[in-house]
C-alpha atoms as a PDB file:
ATOM      1  CA  MET A   1     202.612 105.551  56.716  1.00  0.00           C
ATOM      2  CA  THR A   2     200.009 104.497  59.262  1.00  0.00           C
ATOM      3  CA  ARG A   3     199.759 100.801  60.128  1.00  0.00           C
ATOM      4  CA  VAL A   4     196.139  99.743  60.484  1.00  0.00           C
ATOM      5  CA  ALA A   5     194.006  96.622  60.622  1.00  0.00           C
ATOM      6  CA  ALA A   6     190.565  96.096  59.105  1.00  0.00           C
ATOM      7  CA  ILE A   7     188.188  93.180  59.562  1.00  0.00           C
ATOM      8  CA  ASP A   8     185.148  92.555  57.387  1.00  0.00           C
ATOM      9  CA  CYS A   9     182.776  89.963  58.808  1.00  0.00           C
ATOM     10  CA  GLY A  10     180.133  88.940  56.306  1.00  0.00           C
ATOM     11  CA  THR A  11     177.559  86.222  55.919  1.00  0.00           C
ATOM     12  CA  ASN A  12     179.922  83.627  54.471  1.00  0.00           C
ATOM     13  CA  SER A  13     183.450  84.713  55.362  1.00  0.00           C
ATOM     14  CA  ILE A  14     185.504  86.847  57.728  1.00  0.00           C
ATOM     15  CA  ARG A  15     188.504  88.661  56.289  1.00  0.00           C
ATOM     16  CA  LEU A  16     191.490  90.509  57.704  1.00  0.00           C
ATOM     17  CA  LEU A  17     193.717  93.179  56.204  1.00  0.00           C
ATOM     18  CA  VAL A  18     196.778  94.575  57.963  1.00  0.00           C
ATOM     19  CA  ALA A  19     198.306  97.343  55.867  1.00  0.00           C
ATOM     20  CA  ASP A  20     200.460 100.443  55.801  1.00  0.00           C
ATOM     21  CA  VAL A  21     198.481 103.384  54.416  1.00  0.00           C
ATOM     22  CA  ASP A  22     199.869 106.658  53.046  1.00  0.00           C
ATOM     23  CA  LEU A  23     196.976 109.096  52.797  1.00  0.00           C
ATOM     24  CA  ARG A  24     199.049 111.665  50.903  1.00  0.00           C
ATOM     25  CA  THR A  25     199.616 109.344  47.944  1.00  0.00           C
ATOM     26  CA  GLY A  26     196.632 107.014  48.329  1.00  0.00           C
ATOM     27  CA  GLU A  27     199.045 104.084  48.598  1.00  0.00           C
ATOM     28  CA  LEU A  28     198.058 100.992  50.543  1.00  0.00           C
ATOM     29  CA  VAL A  29     200.661  98.271  51.119  1.00  0.00           C
ATOM     30  CA  ASP A  30     199.428  94.847  52.254  1.00  0.00           C
ATOM     31  CA  LEU A  31     201.220  93.254  55.183  1.00  0.00           C
ATOM     32  CA  ASP A  32     198.699  90.461  55.694  1.00  0.00           C
ATOM     33  CA  ARG A  33     195.445  89.761  53.867  1.00  0.00           C
ATOM     34  CA  ARG A  34     193.502  86.590  54.558  1.00  0.00           C
ATOM     35  CA  MET A  35     190.043  85.075  54.502  1.00  0.00           C
ATOM     36  CA  THR A  36     188.354  82.359  56.537  1.00  0.00           C
ATOM     37  CA  ILE A  37     185.031  80.762  55.613  1.00  0.00           C
ATOM     38  CA  VAL A  38     182.947  80.762  58.809  1.00  0.00           C
ATOM     39  CA  ARG A  39     179.385  80.793  57.370  1.00  0.00           C
ATOM     40  CA  LEU A  40     178.199  83.170  60.108  1.00  0.00           C
ATOM     41  CA  GLY A  41     174.898  83.533  58.278  1.00  0.00           C
ATOM     42  CA  GLN A  42     174.129  79.808  58.449  1.00  0.00           C
ATOM     43  CA  GLY A  43     170.342  79.533  58.697  1.00  0.00           C
ATOM     44  CA  VAL A  44     169.743  83.232  59.467  1.00  0.00           C
ATOM     45  CA  ASP A  45     167.329  83.647  56.561  1.00  0.00           C
ATOM     46  CA  ARG A  46     165.209  80.829  58.026  1.00  0.00           C
ATOM     47  CA  THR A  47     165.597  81.226  61.822  1.00  0.00           C
ATOM     48  CA  GLY A  48     166.468  84.896  62.274  1.00  0.00           C
ATOM     49  CA  ARG A  49     169.271  83.901  64.660  1.00  0.00           C
ATOM     50  CA  LEU A  50     173.018  83.268  64.506  1.00  0.00           C
ATOM     51  CA  ALA A  51     173.638  79.553  65.089  1.00  0.00           C
ATOM     52  CA  PRO A  52     175.886  78.618  68.053  1.00  0.00           C
ATOM     53  CA  GLU A  53     178.264  76.650  65.843  1.00  0.00           C
ATOM     54  CA  ALA A  54     178.489  79.587  63.398  1.00  0.00           C
ATOM     55  CA  LEU A  55     179.353  81.947  66.249  1.00  0.00           C
ATOM     56  CA  GLU A  56     182.066  79.609  67.503  1.00  0.00           C
ATOM     57  CA  ARG A  57     183.634  79.308  64.029  1.00  0.00           C
ATOM     58  CA  THR A  58     183.665  83.107  63.806  1.00  0.00           C
ATOM     59  CA  PHE A  59     185.161  83.568  67.272  1.00  0.00           C
ATOM     60  CA  ALA A  60     187.885  81.016  66.479  1.00  0.00           C
ATOM     61  CA  ALA A  61     188.848  83.070  63.405  1.00  0.00           C
ATOM     62  CA  CYS A  62     188.832  86.243  65.515  1.00  0.00           C
ATOM     63  CA  ARG A  63     191.306  84.671  67.939  1.00  0.00           C
ATOM     64  CA  ASP A  64     193.630  83.834  65.033  1.00  0.00           C
ATOM     65  CA  TYR A  65     193.308  87.370  63.672  1.00  0.00           C
ATOM     66  CA  ALA A  66     194.013  88.930  67.079  1.00  0.00           C
ATOM     67  CA  ALA A  67     197.398  87.180  67.145  1.00  0.00           C
ATOM     68  CA  ILE A  68     198.248  88.396  63.627  1.00  0.00           C
ATOM     69  CA  ILE A  69     197.283  91.994  64.427  1.00  0.00           C
ATOM     70  CA  LYS A  70     199.431  91.932  67.553  1.00  0.00           C
ATOM     71  CA  GLU A  71     202.363  90.425  65.634  1.00  0.00           C
ATOM     72  CA  HIS A  72     202.311  93.242  63.054  1.00  0.00           C
ATOM     73  CA  GLY A  73     201.795  95.982  65.630  1.00  0.00           C
ATOM     74  CA  ALA A  74     198.825  97.670  63.949  1.00  0.00           C
ATOM     75  CA  GLU A  75     198.038 100.994  65.563  1.00  0.00           C
ATOM     76  CA  ARG A  76     194.294 100.859  65.061  1.00  0.00           C
ATOM     77  CA  LEU A  77     191.647  98.262  64.256  1.00  0.00           C
ATOM     78  CA  ARG A  78     188.164  98.625  62.847  1.00  0.00           C
ATOM     79  CA  PHE A  79     185.765  95.684  62.708  1.00  0.00           C
ATOM     80  CA  VAL A  80     182.840  95.962  60.322  1.00  0.00           C
ATOM     81  CA  ALA A  81     180.017  93.430  60.411  1.00  0.00           C
ATOM     82  CA  THR A  82     177.632  93.153  57.510  1.00  0.00           C
ATOM     83  CA  SER A  83     174.490  91.376  56.415  1.00  0.00           C
ATOM     84  CA  ALA A  84     174.155  88.365  58.732  1.00  0.00           C
ATOM     85  CA  SER A  85     174.630  90.330  61.946  1.00  0.00           C
ATOM     86  CA  ARG A  86     172.228  93.039  60.749  1.00  0.00           C
ATOM     87  CA  ASP A  87     169.488  90.431  60.422  1.00  0.00           C
ATOM     88  CA  ALA A  88     170.026  88.346  63.568  1.00  0.00           C
ATOM     89  CA  GLU A  89     167.939  88.587  66.734  1.00  0.00           C
ATOM     90  CA  ASN A  90     170.884  87.495  68.909  1.00  0.00           C
ATOM     91  CA  ARG A  91     173.460  89.896  67.442  1.00  0.00           C
ATOM     92  CA  ASP A  92     174.332  91.104  70.981  1.00  0.00           C
ATOM     93  CA  GLU A  93     175.915  87.713  71.631  1.00  0.00           C
ATOM     94  CA  PHE A  94     178.079  88.225  68.551  1.00  0.00           C
ATOM     95  CA  VAL A  95     179.071  91.745  69.644  1.00  0.00           C
ATOM     96  CA  ARG A  96     180.110  90.606  73.131  1.00  0.00           C
ATOM     97  CA  GLY A  97     182.219  87.759  71.778  1.00  0.00           C
ATOM     98  CA  VAL A  98     184.115  89.997  69.363  1.00  0.00           C
ATOM     99  CA  MET A  99     184.781  92.611  72.046  1.00  0.00           C
ATOM    100  CA  ASP A 100     186.144  89.978  74.418  1.00  0.00           C
ATOM    101  CA  ILE A 101     188.587  88.687  71.801  1.00  0.00           C
ATOM    102  CA  LEU A 102     189.645  91.806  69.877  1.00  0.00           C
ATOM    103  CA  GLY A 103     188.897  94.657  72.254  1.00  0.00           C
ATOM    104  CA  VAL A 104     186.785  96.595  69.746  1.00  0.00           C
ATOM    105  CA  GLU A 105     183.073  96.699  69.162  1.00  0.00           C
ATOM    106  CA  PRO A 106     181.989  95.420  65.762  1.00  0.00           C
ATOM    107  CA  GLU A 107     180.190  98.105  63.796  1.00  0.00           C
ATOM    108  CA  VAL A 108     177.042  96.669  62.322  1.00  0.00           C
ATOM    109  CA  VAL A 109     176.990  98.991  59.335  1.00  0.00           C
ATOM    110  CA  THR A 110     174.079  99.824  57.101  1.00  0.00           C
ATOM    111  CA  GLY A 111     173.986  98.629  53.528  1.00  0.00           C
ATOM    112  CA  ASP A 112     174.737 102.150  52.329  1.00  0.00           C
ATOM    113  CA  GLN A 113     177.829 102.400  54.561  1.00  0.00           C
ATOM    114  CA  GLU A 114     178.961  99.003  53.336  1.00  0.00           C
ATOM    115  CA  ALA A 115     178.561 100.200  49.757  1.00  0.00           C
ATOM    116  CA  GLU A 116     180.631 103.324  50.406  1.00  0.00           C
ATOM    117  CA  PHE A 117     183.490 101.272  51.856  1.00  0.00           C
ATOM    118  CA  SER A 118     183.399  98.912  48.885  1.00  0.00           C
ATOM    119  CA  PHE A 119     183.385 101.722  46.331  1.00  0.00           C
ATOM    120  CA  THR A 120     186.359 103.472  47.952  1.00  0.00           C
ATOM    121  CA  GLY A 121     188.389 100.289  48.158  1.00  0.00           C
ATOM    122  CA  ALA A 122     187.613  99.158  44.615  1.00  0.00           C
ATOM    123  CA  THR A 123     188.008 102.421  42.703  1.00  0.00           C
ATOM    124  CA  LYS A 124     190.719 104.433  44.472  1.00  0.00           C
ATOM    125  CA  GLU A 125     193.433 103.004  42.213  1.00  0.00           C
ATOM    126  CA  LEU A 126     191.281 103.057  39.049  1.00  0.00           C
ATOM    127  CA  VAL A 127     190.784 106.817  38.928  1.00  0.00           C
ATOM    128  CA  GLY A 128     192.766 108.284  36.039  1.00  0.00           C
ATOM    129  CA  ARG A 129     193.010 105.074  34.003  1.00  0.00           C
ATOM    130  CA  GLU A 130     192.143 105.950  30.425  1.00  0.00           C
ATOM    131  CA  ASP A 131     191.030 102.415  29.518  1.00  0.00           C
ATOM    132  CA  LEU A 132     188.303 102.345  32.171  1.00  0.00           C
ATOM    133  CA  HIS A 133     185.534 104.867  31.713  1.00  0.00           C
ATOM    134  CA  ARG A 134     183.358 106.443  34.358  1.00  0.00           C
ATOM    135  CA  PRO A 135     180.873 106.249  35.909  1.00  0.00           C
ATOM    136  CA  TYR A 136     181.741 102.977  37.615  1.00  0.00           C
ATOM    137  CA  LEU A 137     179.205 100.482  38.862  1.00  0.00           C
ATOM    138  CA  VAL A 138     180.735  98.579  41.766  1.00  0.00           C
ATOM    139  CA  VAL A 139     178.892  95.390  42.731  1.00  0.00           C
ATOM    140  CA  ASP A 140     179.874  93.538  45.885  1.00  0.00           C
ATOM    141  CA  ILE A 141     178.223  90.111  45.786  1.00  0.00           C
ATOM    142  CA  GLY A 142     178.314  88.855  49.338  1.00  0.00           C
ATOM    143  CA  GLY A 143     176.797  85.914  51.122  1.00  0.00           C
ATOM    144  CA  GLY A 144     173.584  87.583  52.276  1.00  0.00           C
ATOM    145  CA  SER A 145     173.420  90.820  50.332  1.00  0.00           C
ATOM    146  CA  THR A 146     174.731  92.574  47.254  1.00  0.00           C
ATOM    147  CA  GLU A 147     175.761  96.218  47.224  1.00  0.00           C
ATOM    148  CA  PHE A 148     175.348  98.360  44.112  1.00  0.00           C
ATOM    149  CA  VAL A 149     177.222 101.655  43.927  1.00  0.00           C
ATOM    150  CA  VAL A 150     177.430 104.085  41.023  1.00  0.00           C
ATOM    151  CA  GLY A 151     179.901 106.948  41.073  1.00  0.00           C
ATOM    152  CA  GLU A 152     182.827 108.717  39.485  1.00  0.00           C
ATOM    153  CA  GLU A 153     185.450 109.598  42.090  1.00  0.00           C
ATOM    154  CA  HIS A 154     182.835 109.549  44.835  1.00  0.00           C
ATOM    155  CA  VAL A 155     179.594 107.687  45.453  1.00  0.00           C
ATOM    156  CA  ARG A 156     176.601 109.100  43.590  1.00  0.00           C
ATOM    157  CA  ALA A 157     174.012 106.461  44.478  1.00  0.00           C
ATOM    158  CA  ALA A 158     174.063 103.212  46.429  1.00  0.00           C
ATOM    159  CA  ARG A 159     171.688 100.430  47.405  1.00  0.00           C
ATOM    160  CA  SER A 160     172.016  97.149  49.263  1.00  0.00           C
ATOM    161  CA  VAL A 161     169.580  94.347  48.464  1.00  0.00           C
ATOM    162  CA  ASP A 162     169.085  90.993  50.165  1.00  0.00           C
ATOM    163  CA  VAL A 163     170.440  88.757  47.432  1.00  0.00           C
ATOM    164  CA  GLY A 164     173.712  86.884  47.908  1.00  0.00           C
ATOM    165  CA  CYS A 165     175.266  83.497  47.250  1.00  0.00           C
ATOM    166  CA  VAL A 166     174.400  81.966  50.648  1.00  0.00           C
ATOM    167  CA  ARG A 167     170.931  83.494  50.912  1.00  0.00           C
ATOM    168  CA  MET A 168     169.980  82.404  47.363  1.00  0.00           C
ATOM    169  CA  THR A 169     171.370  78.900  47.916  1.00  0.00           C
ATOM    170  CA  GLU A 170     169.521  78.406  51.186  1.00  0.00           C
ATOM    171  CA  ARG A 171     166.310  79.927  49.877  1.00  0.00           C
ATOM    172  CA  HIS A 172     166.113  78.122  46.528  1.00  0.00           C
ATOM    173  CA  LEU A 173     168.597  75.268  46.209  1.00  0.00           C
ATOM    174  CA  VAL A 174     168.237  73.413  49.537  1.00  0.00           C
ATOM    175  CA  ARG A 175     165.771  70.545  49.866  1.00  0.00           C
ATOM    176  CA  ASP A 176     165.447  68.615  53.146  1.00  0.00           C
ATOM    177  CA  GLY A 177     168.591  70.264  54.467  1.00  0.00           C
ATOM    178  CA  VAL A 178     170.725  69.275  51.463  1.00  0.00           C
ATOM    179  CA  VAL A 179     171.886  71.413  48.537  1.00  0.00           C
ATOM    180  CA  SER A 180     170.429  70.054  45.281  1.00  0.00           C
ATOM    181  CA  ASP A 181     173.177  68.448  43.247  1.00  0.00           C
ATOM    182  CA  PRO A 182     172.618  69.757  40.614  1.00  0.00           C
ATOM    183  CA  PRO A 183     169.504  71.963  41.017  1.00  0.00           C
ATOM    184  CA  SER A 184     166.380  71.479  38.940  1.00  0.00           C
ATOM    185  CA  GLU A 185     165.298  73.873  36.195  1.00  0.00           C
ATOM    186  CA  GLU A 186     162.433  74.981  38.454  1.00  0.00           C
ATOM    187  CA  GLN A 187     164.833  75.828  41.279  1.00  0.00           C
ATOM    188  CA  ILE A 188     167.089  77.801  38.944  1.00  0.00           C
ATOM    189  CA  ALA A 189     164.105  79.695  37.497  1.00  0.00           C
ATOM    190  CA  ALA A 190     162.849  80.612  40.974  1.00  0.00           C
ATOM    191  CA  MET A 191     166.303  81.829  41.989  1.00  0.00           C
ATOM    192  CA  ARG A 192     166.659  83.869  38.802  1.00  0.00           C
ATOM    193  CA  ALA A 193     163.254  85.488  39.387  1.00  0.00           C
ATOM    194  CA  ASP A 194     164.284  86.414  42.933  1.00  0.00           C
ATOM    195  CA  ILE A 195     167.519  87.971  41.652  1.00  0.00           C
ATOM    196  CA  GLU A 196     165.674  89.918  38.937  1.00  0.00           C
ATOM    197  CA  ALA A 197     163.231  91.290  41.532  1.00  0.00           C
ATOM    198  CA  SER A 198     166.172  92.485  43.626  1.00  0.00           C
ATOM    199  CA  LEU A 199     167.705  94.174  40.578  1.00  0.00           C
ATOM    200  CA  ASP A 200     164.383  95.971  40.040  1.00  0.00           C
ATOM    201  CA  LEU A 201     164.621  97.161  43.640  1.00  0.00           C
ATOM    202  CA  ALA A 202     168.211  98.355  43.197  1.00  0.00           C
ATOM    203  CA  GLU A 203     167.276 100.262  40.050  1.00  0.00           C
ATOM    204  CA  GLU A 204     164.717 102.290  41.982  1.00  0.00           C
ATOM    205  CA  THR A 205     167.578 104.314  43.494  1.00  0.00           C
ATOM    206  CA  VAL A 206     170.750 103.412  41.573  1.00  0.00           C
ATOM    207  CA  PRO A 207     171.066 104.179  37.835  1.00  0.00           C
ATOM    208  CA  LEU A 208     172.667 100.826  37.019  1.00  0.00           C
ATOM    209  CA  ARG A 209     172.461 101.250  33.251  1.00  0.00           C
ATOM    210  CA  GLU A 210     174.412 104.531  33.268  1.00  0.00           C
ATOM    211  CA  ALA A 211     177.594 102.677  34.217  1.00  0.00           C
ATOM    212  CA  ARG A 212     180.373 102.466  31.648  1.00  0.00           C
ATOM    213  CA  THR A 213     182.653 100.177  33.709  1.00  0.00           C
ATOM    214  CA  LEU A 214     181.392  97.273  35.823  1.00  0.00           C
ATOM    215  CA  VAL A 215     183.676  96.416  38.753  1.00  0.00           C
ATOM    216  CA  GLY A 216     182.965  93.139  40.557  1.00  0.00           C
ATOM    217  CA  LEU A 217     184.025  92.354  44.114  1.00  0.00           C
ATOM    218  CA  ALA A 218     184.073  89.473  46.579  1.00  0.00           C
ATOM    219  CA  GLY A 219     184.503  85.726  46.447  1.00  0.00           C
ATOM    220  CA  SER A 220     181.869  84.764  43.908  1.00  0.00           C
ATOM    221  CA  VAL A 221     183.342  87.148  41.330  1.00  0.00           C
ATOM    222  CA  THR A 222     186.984  86.355  42.055  1.00  0.00           C
ATOM    223  CA  THR A 223     186.260  82.617  41.894  1.00  0.00           C
ATOM    224  CA  VAL A 224     184.577  83.016  38.500  1.00  0.00           C
ATOM    225  CA  SER A 225     187.714  84.870  37.356  1.00  0.00           C
ATOM    226  CA  ALA A 226     189.950  82.060  38.601  1.00  0.00           C
ATOM    227  CA  ILE A 227     187.830  79.511  36.714  1.00  0.00           C
ATOM    228  CA  ALA A 228     187.812  81.673  33.570  1.00  0.00           C
ATOM    229  CA  GLN A 229     191.614  81.803  33.631  1.00  0.00           C
ATOM    230  CA  ASP A 230     191.894  78.074  34.433  1.00  0.00           C
ATOM    231  CA  LEU A 231     194.271  78.883  37.279  1.00  0.00           C
ATOM    232  CA  PRO A 232     196.052  75.926  38.920  1.00  0.00           C
ATOM    233  CA  ASP A 233     195.374  77.558  42.290  1.00  0.00           C
ATOM    234  CA  TYR A 234     193.912  80.783  43.628  1.00  0.00           C
ATOM    235  CA  ASP A 235     196.287  83.563  42.531  1.00  0.00           C
ATOM    236  CA  SER A 236     195.303  87.043  43.752  1.00  0.00           C
ATOM    237  CA  ALA A 237     197.837  88.798  41.529  1.00  0.00           C
ATOM    238  CA  ARG A 238     196.355  87.267  38.376  1.00  0.00           C
ATOM    239  CA  ILE A 239     192.775  87.751  39.516  1.00  0.00           C
ATOM    240  CA  HIS A 240     193.115  91.426  40.523  1.00  0.00           C
ATOM    241  CA  HIS A 241     192.030  93.641  37.599  1.00  0.00           C
ATOM    242  CA  SER A 242     191.407  90.670  35.325  1.00  0.00           C
ATOM    243  CA  ARG A 243     188.558  91.117  32.859  1.00  0.00           C
ATOM    244  CA  ILE A 244     185.935  88.499  32.077  1.00  0.00           C
ATOM    245  CA  GLY A 245     183.646  88.816  29.071  1.00  0.00           C
ATOM    246  CA  HIS A 246     179.901  88.283  29.310  1.00  0.00           C
ATOM    247  CA  ASP A 247     179.931  85.115  27.187  1.00  0.00           C
ATOM    248  CA  ARG A 248     182.578  83.510  29.409  1.00  0.00           C
ATOM    249  CA  VAL A 249     180.630  84.388  32.563  1.00  0.00           C
ATOM    250  CA  ARG A 250     177.535  82.791  31.022  1.00  0.00           C
ATOM    251  CA  GLU A 251     179.451  79.620  30.094  1.00  0.00           C
ATOM    252  CA  ILE A 252     180.885  79.286  33.593  1.00  0.00           C
ATOM    253  CA  THR A 253     177.530  79.970  35.271  1.00  0.00           C
ATOM    254  CA  ASP A 254     175.777  77.383  33.096  1.00  0.00           C
ATOM    255  CA  TRP A 255     178.430  74.808  33.973  1.00  0.00           C
ATOM    256  CA  LEU A 256     178.265  75.566  37.696  1.00  0.00           C
ATOM    257  CA  LEU A 257     174.476  75.200  37.706  1.00  0.00           C
ATOM    258  CA  ARG A 258     174.722  71.815  35.900  1.00  0.00           C
ATOM    259  CA  SER A 259     177.681  70.465  37.885  1.00  0.00           C
ATOM    260  CA  THR A 260     177.762  68.183  40.903  1.00  0.00           C
ATOM    261  CA  HIS A 261     179.380  68.954  44.248  1.00  0.00           C
ATOM    262  CA  ALA A 262     182.298  66.681  43.357  1.00  0.00           C
ATOM    263  CA  GLU A 263     182.870  68.406  40.016  1.00  0.00           C
ATOM    264  CA  ARG A 264     182.888  71.862  41.579  1.00  0.00           C
ATOM    265  CA  ALA A 265     185.130  70.694  44.425  1.00  0.00           C
ATOM    266  CA  ALA A 266     187.634  69.402  41.868  1.00  0.00           C
ATOM    267  CA  VAL A 267     188.236  72.909  40.491  1.00  0.00           C
ATOM    268  CA  PRO A 268     191.775  73.679  41.756  1.00  0.00           C
ATOM    269  CA  SER A 269     191.085  77.348  42.519  1.00  0.00           C
ATOM    270  CA  MET A 270     187.819  76.646  44.384  1.00  0.00           C
ATOM    271  CA  HIS A 271     187.798  77.327  48.128  1.00  0.00           C
ATOM    272  CA  PRO A 272     186.038  74.413  49.877  1.00  0.00           C
ATOM    273  CA  GLY A 273     183.660  76.826  51.579  1.00  0.00           C
ATOM    274  CA  ARG A 274     182.376  78.108  48.225  1.00  0.00           C
ATOM    275  CA  VAL A 275     181.606  74.775  46.556  1.00  0.00           C
ATOM    276  CA  ASP A 276     177.903  74.766  47.455  1.00  0.00           C
ATOM    277  CA  VAL A 277     177.221  78.503  47.001  1.00  0.00           C
ATOM    278  CA  ILE A 278     179.302  79.493  43.957  1.00  0.00           C
ATOM    279  CA  ALA A 279     176.589  78.649  41.405  1.00  0.00           C
ATOM    280  CA  ALA A 280     174.175  81.101  43.023  1.00  0.00           C
ATOM    281  CA  GLY A 281     176.869  83.771  43.232  1.00  0.00           C
ATOM    282  CA  ALA A 282     177.783  83.352  39.565  1.00  0.00           C
ATOM    283  CA  LEU A 283     174.118  83.625  38.589  1.00  0.00           C
ATOM    284  CA  VAL A 284     173.848  86.935  40.460  1.00  0.00           C
ATOM    285  CA  LEU A 285     176.851  88.246  38.508  1.00  0.00           C
ATOM    286  CA  LEU A 286     175.448  87.050  35.180  1.00  0.00           C
ATOM    287  CA  ALA A 287     172.045  88.622  35.876  1.00  0.00           C
ATOM    288  CA  ILE A 288     173.686  91.971  36.667  1.00  0.00           C
ATOM    289  CA  MET A 289     175.737  91.904  33.470  1.00  0.00           C
ATOM    290  CA  GLU A 290     172.671  91.094  31.396  1.00  0.00           C
ATOM    291  CA  ARG A 291     170.583  93.779  33.103  1.00  0.00           C
ATOM    292  CA  ILE A 292     173.043  96.579  32.298  1.00  0.00           C
ATOM    293  CA  GLY A 293     174.345  95.183  29.012  1.00  0.00           C
ATOM    294  CA  ALA A 294     177.926  94.875  30.288  1.00  0.00           C
ATOM    295  CA  GLU A 295     180.340  93.298  27.831  1.00  0.00           C
ATOM    296  CA  GLU A 296     182.814  92.523  30.611  1.00  0.00           C
ATOM    297  CA  VAL A 297     183.416  92.770  34.346  1.00  0.00           C
ATOM    298  CA  VAL A 298     186.640  94.138  35.830  1.00  0.00           C
ATOM    299  CA  VAL A 299     187.494  91.991  38.849  1.00  0.00           C
ATOM    300  CA  SER A 300     188.951  93.672  41.933  1.00  0.00           C
ATOM    301  CA  GLU A 301     190.616  92.063  44.924  1.00  0.00           C
ATOM    302  CA  HIS A 302     190.490  95.479  46.608  1.00  0.00           C
ATOM    303  CA  ASP A 303     187.121  96.017  48.157  1.00  0.00           C
ATOM    304  CA  ILE A 304     185.426  96.812  51.436  1.00  0.00           C
ATOM    305  CA  LEU A 305     188.534  95.828  53.425  1.00  0.00           C
ATOM    306  CA  ASP A 306     190.641  98.438  51.637  1.00  0.00           C
ATOM    307  CA  GLY A 307     187.922 101.036  52.074  1.00  0.00           C
ATOM    308  CA  ILE A 308     187.775 100.310  55.810  1.00  0.00           C
ATOM    309  CA  ALA A 309     191.580 100.552  56.060  1.00  0.00           C
ATOM    310  CA  PHE A 310     191.597 103.985  54.399  1.00  0.00           C
ATOM    311  CA  LYS A 311     188.921 105.185  56.835  1.00  0.00           C
ATOM    312  CA  VAL A 312     190.894 103.861  59.815  1.00  0.00           C
ATOM    313  CA  ALA A 313     194.012 105.694  58.632  1.00  0.00           C
ATOM    314  CA  GLU A 314     192.026 108.911  58.206  1.00  0.00           C
ATOM    315  CA  ALA A 315     190.690 108.616  61.746  1.00  0.00           C
ATOM    316  CA  ALA A 316     194.232 108.109  63.060  1.00  0.00           C
ATOM    317  CA  ARG A 317     195.513 111.403  61.642  1.00  0.00           C
END
């Protein structure tokens, strides 16, 4: 096995995976997997720049991760940065800070590269399962963007669009610097229209409706799964490969859009950093399911991080 580390730095969170990878068998064994909400994309949609306080939160997480990587003795590290740092005018400041702390340059990947990583991580262990039919549609609902990938064993078509839980919240649900609690019907309608327009864009290049299995990734989807199962806390083992029916996703989304901050914060499986953005993320998921007529979504805890780790191990051969 090859011991590797992968970091995925998105708009809302930064995540670390340290794992042993066996390329001969396709086995990946977690040694440490963790997530920190840093909200790197705070205000990027409005200002075009990474905020100083957002950069400092991200660098603090990087310092913690550097210690964990050293403790486990990972042979190689790859740092992938996604939507927020693609959009920011001052991304060089972000790159320099990461290099100083971790010794590697963050790769600001394209949406298509991001989609390929996500598809590999989410589907590698699904291939051969008779209860899940191909082609798969993998959707990675992030903070600033959502990736759509259709494929069988390999990617056939992919598209990244600028719709995510943070971007939709900031664009539609914030008034005078405060998230509406709860949002108005007009705000919800405007957000839904924005999401539908992005789905139209995705369908220009990705045959979404050909999918026979919908696989959902990232925090918005996993949180909806935790709520659907009424988990007393966030339990990755119970969330991974859980299945949520369309009607249950609709019920949860409707409740999230009607709820107050306090009500959402009281959900035991809710990460504090997701309280204000989860309603938008759930609405993105619901809109996707309705667009393609999906009866259920298969939830995966294995995503872009796992895909990055496999690529690191391949490069180390």
